[in-house]
Protein backbone atom coordinates (compact mmCIF):
# COMPACT_ATOMS: atom_id res chain seq x y z
CA UNK A 1 -31.39 193.09 76.92
CA UNK A 2 -27.99 192.34 74.06
CA UNK A 3 -24.63 192.23 76.50
CA UNK A 4 -23.58 195.40 74.03
CA UNK A 5 -26.34 197.70 75.15
CA UNK A 6 -24.42 197.25 78.93
CA UNK A 7 -20.88 197.68 77.32
CA UNK A 8 -22.23 200.74 75.66
CA UNK A 9 -23.29 201.64 79.53
CA UNK A 10 -20.27 201.09 81.28
CA UNK A 11 -18.77 203.55 78.32
CA UNK A 12 -21.41 205.91 79.64
CA UNK A 13 -20.21 205.48 83.12
CA UNK A 14 -16.57 207.02 82.18
CA UNK A 15 -18.19 209.83 80.70
CA UNK A 16 -20.89 210.33 83.46
CA UNK A 17 -18.31 210.36 85.88
CA UNK A 18 -16.05 213.17 84.41
CA UNK A 19 -18.90 215.45 83.60
CA UNK A 20 -20.74 215.57 86.86
CA UNK A 21 -17.58 214.76 89.41
CA UNK A 22 -16.81 218.42 89.08
CA UNK A 23 -19.76 219.35 91.52
CA UNK A 24 -18.63 217.70 93.94
CA UNK A 25 -15.21 219.56 93.83
CA UNK A 26 -16.26 222.93 93.48
CA UNK A 27 -14.97 224.44 96.79
CA UNK A 28 -11.33 222.35 96.54
CA UNK A 29 -11.06 223.33 93.16
CA UNK A 30 -12.04 226.82 94.12
CA UNK A 31 -9.26 227.03 96.85
CA UNK A 32 -6.46 225.33 94.83
CA UNK A 33 -6.99 227.35 92.19
CA UNK A 34 -7.57 230.90 93.71
CA UNK A 35 -10.64 231.31 91.69
CA UNK A 36 -14.24 232.30 93.15
CA UNK A 37 -16.86 229.55 93.38
CA UNK A 38 -19.02 230.71 90.64
CA UNK A 39 -15.72 230.99 88.49
CA UNK A 40 -15.21 227.21 89.32
CA UNK A 41 -18.74 226.68 88.32
CA UNK A 42 -17.81 227.61 84.49
CA UNK A 43 -15.82 224.38 84.34
CA UNK A 44 -19.03 222.81 83.92
CA UNK A 45 -19.80 225.34 81.34
CA UNK A 46 -17.06 224.76 79.43
CA UNK A 47 -17.23 221.52 79.25
CA UNK A 48 -20.66 221.57 78.12
CA UNK A 49 -20.05 223.98 75.69
CA UNK A 50 -17.17 221.53 74.31
CA UNK A 51 -19.77 219.15 74.21
CA UNK A 52 -22.30 221.19 72.16
CA UNK A 53 -19.05 222.07 69.44
CA UNK A 54 -17.36 218.77 69.17
CA UNK A 55 -20.85 216.56 68.84
CA UNK A 56 -21.53 217.32 65.41
CA UNK A 57 -18.02 218.03 63.96
CA UNK A 58 -17.19 214.88 64.97
CA UNK A 59 -20.10 212.91 64.21
CA UNK A 60 -19.97 214.21 60.81
CA UNK A 61 -16.03 213.56 60.41
CA UNK A 62 -16.80 209.83 61.54
CA UNK A 63 -19.74 209.32 59.44
CA UNK A 64 -18.17 206.86 57.41
CA UNK A 65 -16.49 204.85 59.75
CA UNK A 66 -17.53 201.49 61.65
CA UNK A 67 -19.35 202.51 64.92
CA UNK A 68 -17.30 200.37 67.17
CA UNK A 69 -14.08 202.00 65.74
CA UNK A 70 -15.68 205.64 66.68
CA UNK A 71 -16.94 204.74 70.22
CA UNK A 72 -13.11 203.21 70.92
CA UNK A 73 -11.78 206.36 69.53
CA UNK A 74 -14.21 208.55 71.51
CA UNK A 75 -12.83 206.88 74.85
CA UNK A 76 -9.41 207.63 74.12
CA UNK A 77 -10.19 211.16 73.89
CA UNK A 78 -12.03 211.05 76.91
CA UNK A 79 -9.21 209.11 78.84
CA UNK A 80 -6.63 211.59 77.44
CA UNK A 81 -8.59 214.56 78.79
CA UNK A 82 -9.14 213.22 81.85
CA UNK A 83 -5.36 213.08 82.52
CA UNK A 84 -4.75 216.38 81.58
CA UNK A 85 -7.22 217.45 83.73
CA UNK A 86 -5.20 215.44 86.85
CA UNK A 87 -1.94 217.37 85.60
CA UNK A 88 -3.44 220.76 84.88
CA UNK A 89 -1.56 223.49 86.99
CA UNK A 90 -3.71 226.64 86.97
CA UNK A 91 -7.01 226.92 86.42
CA UNK A 92 -6.56 227.95 82.27
CA UNK A 93 -5.08 224.31 81.53
CA UNK A 94 -7.82 222.72 83.74
CA UNK A 95 -10.32 224.27 81.67
CA UNK A 96 -8.38 223.06 78.52
CA UNK A 97 -8.49 219.98 79.35
CA UNK A 98 -11.98 219.61 80.59
CA UNK A 99 -12.83 220.87 76.77
CA UNK A 100 -11.15 218.27 75.13
CA UNK A 101 -12.53 215.70 77.38
CA UNK A 102 -16.05 217.36 76.47
CA UNK A 103 -15.33 216.72 72.68
CA UNK A 104 -16.22 212.96 72.81
CA UNK A 105 -19.11 213.46 74.87
CA UNK A 106 -21.82 214.24 72.30
CA UNK A 107 -20.40 211.90 69.77
CA UNK A 108 -20.16 209.05 72.26
CA UNK A 109 -23.90 209.38 73.50
CA UNK A 110 -25.26 209.97 70.20
CA UNK A 111 -23.40 207.07 67.85
CA UNK A 112 -24.01 204.76 71.63
CA UNK A 113 -27.88 205.72 71.16
CA UNK A 114 -27.99 204.21 67.45
CA UNK A 115 -26.01 201.41 68.16
CA UNK A 116 -28.24 200.54 70.98
CA UNK A 117 -31.72 201.41 69.25
CA UNK A 118 -30.13 198.86 66.33
CA UNK A 119 -30.06 195.92 68.69
CA UNK A 120 -33.40 195.68 69.96
CA UNK A 121 -36.84 195.56 68.83
CA UNK A 122 -39.03 198.40 68.28
CA UNK A 123 -41.01 198.64 70.98
CA UNK A 124 -37.64 198.36 72.91
CA UNK A 125 -36.09 201.52 71.63
CA UNK A 126 -36.64 203.55 74.72
CA UNK A 127 -35.59 201.32 77.17
CA UNK A 128 -32.64 200.24 75.11
CA UNK A 129 -31.68 204.04 75.19
CA UNK A 130 -32.52 203.92 79.02
CA UNK A 131 -29.96 200.92 80.20
CA UNK A 132 -27.17 202.76 78.25
CA UNK A 133 -27.67 205.89 80.18
CA UNK A 134 -27.68 203.52 83.02
CA UNK A 135 -24.24 203.81 82.84
CA UNK A 136 -24.64 208.10 83.49
CA UNK A 137 -26.79 207.49 86.69
CA UNK A 138 -24.38 204.57 87.87
CA UNK A 139 -21.69 207.51 87.48
CA UNK A 140 -23.33 209.81 89.35
CA UNK A 141 -24.78 207.41 92.00
CA UNK A 142 -21.39 205.99 92.97
CA UNK A 143 -18.82 207.92 90.62
CA UNK A 144 -19.97 210.96 91.67
CA UNK A 145 -20.18 210.80 95.58
CA UNK A 146 -16.54 208.67 95.03
CA UNK A 147 -15.51 211.39 93.37
CA UNK A 148 -15.93 214.21 96.17
CA UNK A 149 -14.76 211.61 99.42
CA UNK A 150 -11.48 210.74 97.16
CA UNK A 151 -11.27 214.46 96.38
CA UNK A 152 -11.92 215.93 99.86
CA UNK A 153 -9.32 213.06 101.37
CA UNK A 154 -6.57 213.39 98.89
CA UNK A 155 -7.02 216.34 96.63
CA UNK A 156 -9.28 216.68 93.84
CA UNK A 157 -6.29 215.76 91.65
CA UNK A 158 -6.86 212.21 92.88
CA UNK A 159 -10.12 212.32 91.48
CA UNK A 160 -9.22 213.10 87.83
CA UNK A 161 -6.82 209.73 88.12
CA UNK A 162 -9.38 207.74 89.10
CA UNK A 163 -11.59 208.72 86.25
CA UNK A 164 -8.82 208.64 83.62
CA UNK A 165 -8.55 204.46 84.95
CA UNK A 166 -12.13 203.75 84.39
CA UNK A 167 -11.87 205.66 80.95
CA UNK A 168 -9.12 202.67 80.50
CA UNK A 169 -11.52 199.86 81.63
CA UNK A 170 -14.40 201.24 79.53
CA UNK A 171 -12.53 200.82 76.12
CA UNK A 172 -11.52 197.26 76.97
CA UNK A 173 -15.07 196.27 77.81
CA UNK A 174 -16.63 197.75 74.42
CA UNK A 175 -13.81 196.38 72.50
CA UNK A 176 -14.91 192.67 73.92
CA UNK A 177 -18.69 193.28 73.77
CA UNK A 178 -19.60 195.28 71.13
CA UNK A 179 -20.16 194.06 67.58
CA UNK A 180 -17.77 195.06 64.88
CA UNK A 181 -21.34 195.90 62.79
CA UNK A 182 -23.79 196.99 65.28
CA UNK A 183 -26.09 199.61 64.25
CA UNK A 184 -23.86 200.20 60.86
CA UNK A 185 -25.82 201.82 57.55
CA UNK A 186 -25.15 202.39 54.68
CA UNK A 187 -23.32 206.29 53.95
CA UNK A 188 -25.62 208.67 52.82
CA UNK A 189 -24.14 212.07 51.36
CA UNK A 190 -23.23 214.64 53.80
CA UNK A 191 -26.10 217.19 52.14
CA UNK A 192 -28.73 214.40 52.63
CA UNK A 193 -27.49 214.02 56.77
CA UNK A 194 -27.27 217.89 57.15
CA UNK A 195 -31.21 218.17 55.90
CA UNK A 196 -32.08 217.11 58.86
CA UNK A 197 -31.33 220.54 60.13
CA UNK A 198 -34.22 221.95 58.25
CA UNK A 199 -36.94 219.42 59.75
CA UNK A 200 -39.23 222.07 62.16
CA UNK A 201 -39.74 219.32 64.49
CA UNK A 202 -35.87 218.26 64.81
CA UNK A 203 -35.04 221.62 66.18
CA UNK A 204 -38.00 222.27 68.44
CA UNK A 205 -36.81 218.84 69.33
CA UNK A 206 -33.66 220.24 70.43
CA UNK A 207 -35.07 223.44 72.29
CA UNK A 208 -37.17 221.58 74.45
CA UNK A 209 -33.99 219.43 75.47
CA UNK A 210 -32.04 222.74 76.15
CA UNK A 211 -34.73 224.33 78.15
CA UNK A 212 -36.22 221.07 79.69
CA UNK A 213 -32.63 220.11 81.15
CA UNK A 214 -31.49 223.43 81.82
CA UNK A 215 -33.35 223.89 84.60
CA UNK A 216 -31.70 220.67 86.33
CA UNK A 217 -27.97 222.39 86.05
CA UNK A 218 -29.25 226.05 87.16
CA UNK A 219 -29.64 224.21 90.73
CA UNK A 220 -27.61 221.44 90.61
CA UNK A 221 -24.37 223.11 89.56
CA UNK A 222 -24.02 224.88 92.93
CA UNK A 223 -25.87 222.03 94.96
CA UNK A 224 -22.63 221.98 97.41
CA UNK A 225 -22.97 225.71 98.43
CA UNK A 226 -26.69 225.12 98.31
CA UNK A 227 -26.27 221.90 100.98
CA UNK A 228 -23.75 223.89 103.25
CA UNK A 229 -25.09 227.30 103.04
CA UNK A 230 -28.77 227.13 103.09
CA UNK A 231 -29.13 223.90 104.33
CA UNK A 232 -26.65 224.08 107.19
CA UNK A 233 -25.02 220.85 106.35
CA UNK A 234 -20.98 220.16 106.95
CA UNK A 235 -19.13 219.73 103.80
CA UNK A 236 -18.49 215.89 104.62
CA UNK A 237 -22.46 215.22 104.36
CA UNK A 238 -22.23 216.56 100.64
CA UNK A 239 -21.20 213.56 99.06
CA UNK A 240 -23.67 210.91 100.87
CA UNK A 241 -26.60 212.94 99.83
CA UNK A 242 -25.61 213.03 96.32
CA UNK A 243 -25.85 209.00 96.91
CA UNK A 244 -29.36 210.16 97.22
CA UNK A 245 -29.75 212.24 93.98
CA UNK A 246 -27.70 209.30 91.88
CA UNK A 247 -30.57 206.87 93.28
CA UNK A 248 -33.37 208.71 91.92
CA UNK A 249 -31.60 209.42 88.54
CA UNK A 250 -31.65 205.34 88.31
CA UNK A 251 -35.08 205.09 88.90
CA UNK A 252 -35.76 208.11 86.68
CA UNK A 253 -33.93 206.88 83.88
CA UNK A 254 -35.74 203.34 84.03
CA UNK A 255 -39.29 204.84 84.72
CA UNK A 256 -38.49 207.53 81.53
CA UNK A 257 -37.75 204.92 79.09
CA UNK A 258 -40.90 202.68 80.03
CA UNK A 259 -43.13 205.41 80.14
CA UNK A 260 -41.63 206.30 76.25
CA UNK A 261 -42.02 202.91 75.02
CA UNK A 262 -45.76 203.17 76.19
CA UNK A 263 -46.73 206.35 75.08
CA UNK A 264 -44.35 209.00 73.70
CA UNK A 265 -46.10 212.41 74.16
CA UNK A 266 -47.58 211.90 77.35
CA UNK A 267 -44.19 210.69 78.63
CA UNK A 268 -42.63 214.12 77.02
CA UNK A 269 -45.16 216.49 78.75
CA UNK A 270 -45.54 214.40 81.95
CA UNK A 271 -42.12 214.17 82.97
CA UNK A 272 -41.32 217.89 82.42
CA UNK A 273 -44.52 218.89 84.56
CA UNK A 274 -42.62 217.03 87.07
CA UNK A 275 -39.19 218.09 86.69
CA UNK A 276 -40.81 221.82 86.76
CA UNK A 277 -42.65 220.96 89.83
CA UNK A 278 -40.04 219.28 91.80
CA UNK A 279 -37.80 222.54 90.77
CA UNK A 280 -40.50 224.89 92.10
CA UNK A 281 -41.18 223.07 95.69
CA UNK A 282 -37.25 223.11 96.33
CA UNK A 283 -37.41 226.52 96.77
CA UNK A 284 -38.99 226.01 100.41
CA UNK A 285 -37.63 222.14 100.96
CA UNK A 286 -33.75 223.03 100.87
CA UNK A 287 -34.26 225.35 103.81
CA UNK A 288 -34.83 222.04 106.03
CA UNK A 289 -32.48 218.97 106.13
CA UNK A 290 -35.10 216.19 105.84
CA UNK A 291 -36.96 218.26 103.04
CA UNK A 292 -33.39 218.97 101.59
CA UNK A 293 -32.61 215.26 100.88
CA UNK A 294 -35.89 214.24 99.92
CA UNK A 295 -36.19 216.49 97.19
CA UNK A 296 -32.68 216.23 96.45
CA UNK A 297 -33.84 212.33 95.78
CA UNK A 298 -37.13 213.58 93.82
CA UNK A 299 -34.97 216.30 91.73
CA UNK A 300 -32.95 212.81 90.26
CA UNK A 301 -35.83 210.95 89.32
CA UNK A 302 -37.91 214.00 87.77
CA UNK A 303 -34.50 215.14 85.99
CA UNK A 304 -33.72 211.55 84.46
CA UNK A 305 -37.03 211.01 83.68
CA UNK A 306 -36.78 213.08 80.72
CA UNK A 307 -33.89 211.62 79.43
CA UNK A 308 -35.21 208.60 77.33
CA UNK A 309 -38.36 210.56 76.08
CA UNK A 310 -36.08 213.79 75.13
CA UNK A 311 -33.83 211.80 73.29
CA UNK A 312 -36.30 209.28 71.50
CA UNK A 313 -38.40 212.33 70.00
CA UNK A 314 -35.43 213.61 68.31
CA UNK A 315 -34.67 210.38 67.12
CA UNK A 316 -38.17 209.58 65.93
CA UNK A 317 -38.62 212.62 63.87
CA UNK A 318 -35.02 212.80 62.02
CA UNK A 319 -35.92 210.02 59.93
CA UNK A 320 -33.46 207.45 58.90
CA UNK A 321 -30.23 209.39 57.29
CA UNK A 322 -30.07 212.09 59.88
CA UNK A 323 -30.44 209.69 62.98
CA UNK A 324 -26.69 209.59 63.83
CA UNK A 325 -26.14 213.69 63.46
CA UNK A 326 -29.51 214.07 65.07
CA UNK A 327 -28.70 212.28 68.07
CA UNK A 328 -25.39 213.37 68.68
CA UNK A 329 -26.69 217.24 68.04
CA UNK A 330 -29.67 216.04 71.30
CA UNK A 331 -26.61 215.11 73.40
CA UNK A 332 -25.33 218.61 72.62
CA UNK A 333 -28.45 220.27 73.52
CA UNK A 334 -28.69 218.53 76.62
CA UNK A 335 -25.32 219.93 77.58
CA UNK A 336 -25.79 223.69 76.19
CA UNK A 337 -28.53 223.19 78.66
CA UNK A 338 -26.08 222.24 81.35
CA UNK A 339 -23.98 225.17 80.07
CA UNK A 340 -27.02 227.92 80.34
CA UNK A 341 -28.15 226.23 83.18
CA UNK A 342 -24.85 226.69 85.23
CA UNK A 343 -24.43 230.16 83.62
CA UNK A 344 -27.76 231.19 84.96
CA UNK A 345 -27.41 229.68 88.39
CA UNK A 346 -24.07 231.62 88.73
CA UNK A 347 -25.75 235.15 87.70
CA UNK A 348 -28.44 234.22 90.13
CA UNK A 349 -25.95 234.08 93.10
CA UNK A 350 -23.79 237.21 91.56
CA UNK A 351 -26.18 239.62 90.21
CA UNK A 352 -29.89 238.54 90.82
CA UNK A 353 -31.86 237.50 94.54
CA UNK A 354 -28.94 235.10 95.71
CA UNK A 355 -28.64 231.44 96.33
CA UNK A 356 -32.19 230.84 97.90
CA UNK A 357 -33.44 231.67 94.46
CA UNK A 358 -32.12 229.21 92.46
CA UNK A 359 -34.93 226.99 92.92
CA UNK A 360 -37.79 228.82 91.29
CA UNK A 361 -35.33 230.48 88.15
CA UNK A 362 -34.42 226.72 87.47
CA UNK A 363 -38.35 226.11 87.60
CA UNK A 364 -38.88 228.53 84.94
CA UNK A 365 -36.20 227.34 82.49
CA UNK A 366 -37.90 223.82 82.54
CA UNK A 367 -41.22 225.48 82.09
CA UNK A 368 -40.13 227.23 78.83
CA UNK A 369 -38.99 223.79 77.89
CA UNK A 370 -42.71 222.61 78.58
CA UNK A 371 -44.24 225.18 76.32
CA UNK A 372 -41.86 224.65 73.61
CA UNK A 373 -42.89 220.62 74.10
CA UNK A 374 -46.78 221.60 73.92
CA UNK A 375 -46.44 223.59 71.14
CA UNK A 376 -44.31 220.61 68.69
CA UNK A 377 -47.12 218.34 69.92
CA UNK A 378 -49.98 220.59 68.99
CA UNK A 379 -48.19 220.91 65.29
CA UNK A 380 -47.98 216.52 64.92
CA UNK A 381 -51.89 216.65 66.09
CA UNK A 382 -52.46 219.74 63.21
CA UNK A 383 -50.20 217.82 60.82
CA UNK A 384 -52.23 214.55 61.34
CA UNK A 385 -55.28 216.12 60.50
CA UNK A 386 -54.54 217.80 57.75
CA UNK A 387 -53.61 214.62 55.82
CA UNK A 388 -56.88 213.05 55.84
CA UNK A 389 -58.33 216.20 54.49
CA UNK A 390 -55.98 216.12 51.86
CA UNK A 391 -56.89 212.33 50.76
CA UNK A 392 -60.43 213.34 51.21
CA UNK A 393 -60.10 216.38 48.81
């Protein structure tokens, strides 16, 4: 695998750290800023909506710039946003800083995916995406538990200072190792690039990402209160348990990439089925300490096994002229799923059956994504049968 792909993973590590670290700090942020835990959870929703809004806008705005320049500029935005989080004086300013940070997220992963796939052979594209996303899994494996510990020991602001420092390091690595012309293609007219939004299979791919991955965050956003209130762990145990989740992410990410490189359609269906099953079983597992830890690890495997297949599906249905926009939109779709999942989880806690219902509620969201996937693949089969029929006619 080219070293540039690992450089992209370094950038992904920084962005992943800031996206997920807040989940281990909800109780501290809630107490310090005087807001409820569901309100603190909306900091995740706000970030995800920032990604959703920023991905298409920044992708189109930077479409004619060298991709390496774009990646470095996005990391600069990311670093400044985290400095704003560390200096935030109240809930509103923290939310604004989170949204600013999020603007860089979708375009970084979208452009990075295109760059990564351009550096490898066709049968290694999903693996290249998975390797880049390894930075995201490493952030969850190492960055999130460390951030939770740092926030518990020195206050939640210390965590954001540390993430800002990671952003600076990532900028240096990207500047050194990503080729200047990597993944660069001839500029296409804006109308031609926007035409990707008229492709039904691209839109279905985005919807399956929103729903398929939304179930993960309906539960994982509130993993700290689940582990402390339902399972009975002390707050200090949350960070080590998040290490188990991060380890699962690393395994699932690489597994999903390999499965998608072999046969994409079965990988899409199989990974979403596995995720729905794990979420459903957690309804029972979270009430037992051993079962909770094991299921958290399995959730990590199942969640990130879906990432490479979902991203590659959208890239393959977009066509060459719309790959940049489609890749960024799918990252936005992941984060829209995160936002909707976090909102749904908060609604279940505040207005629904309560914290204990989060696992099966989350599973239903992923089942909806599976249904969309099956419908999309059925359209593929219908289209493939129609082509020979037209040829015979």
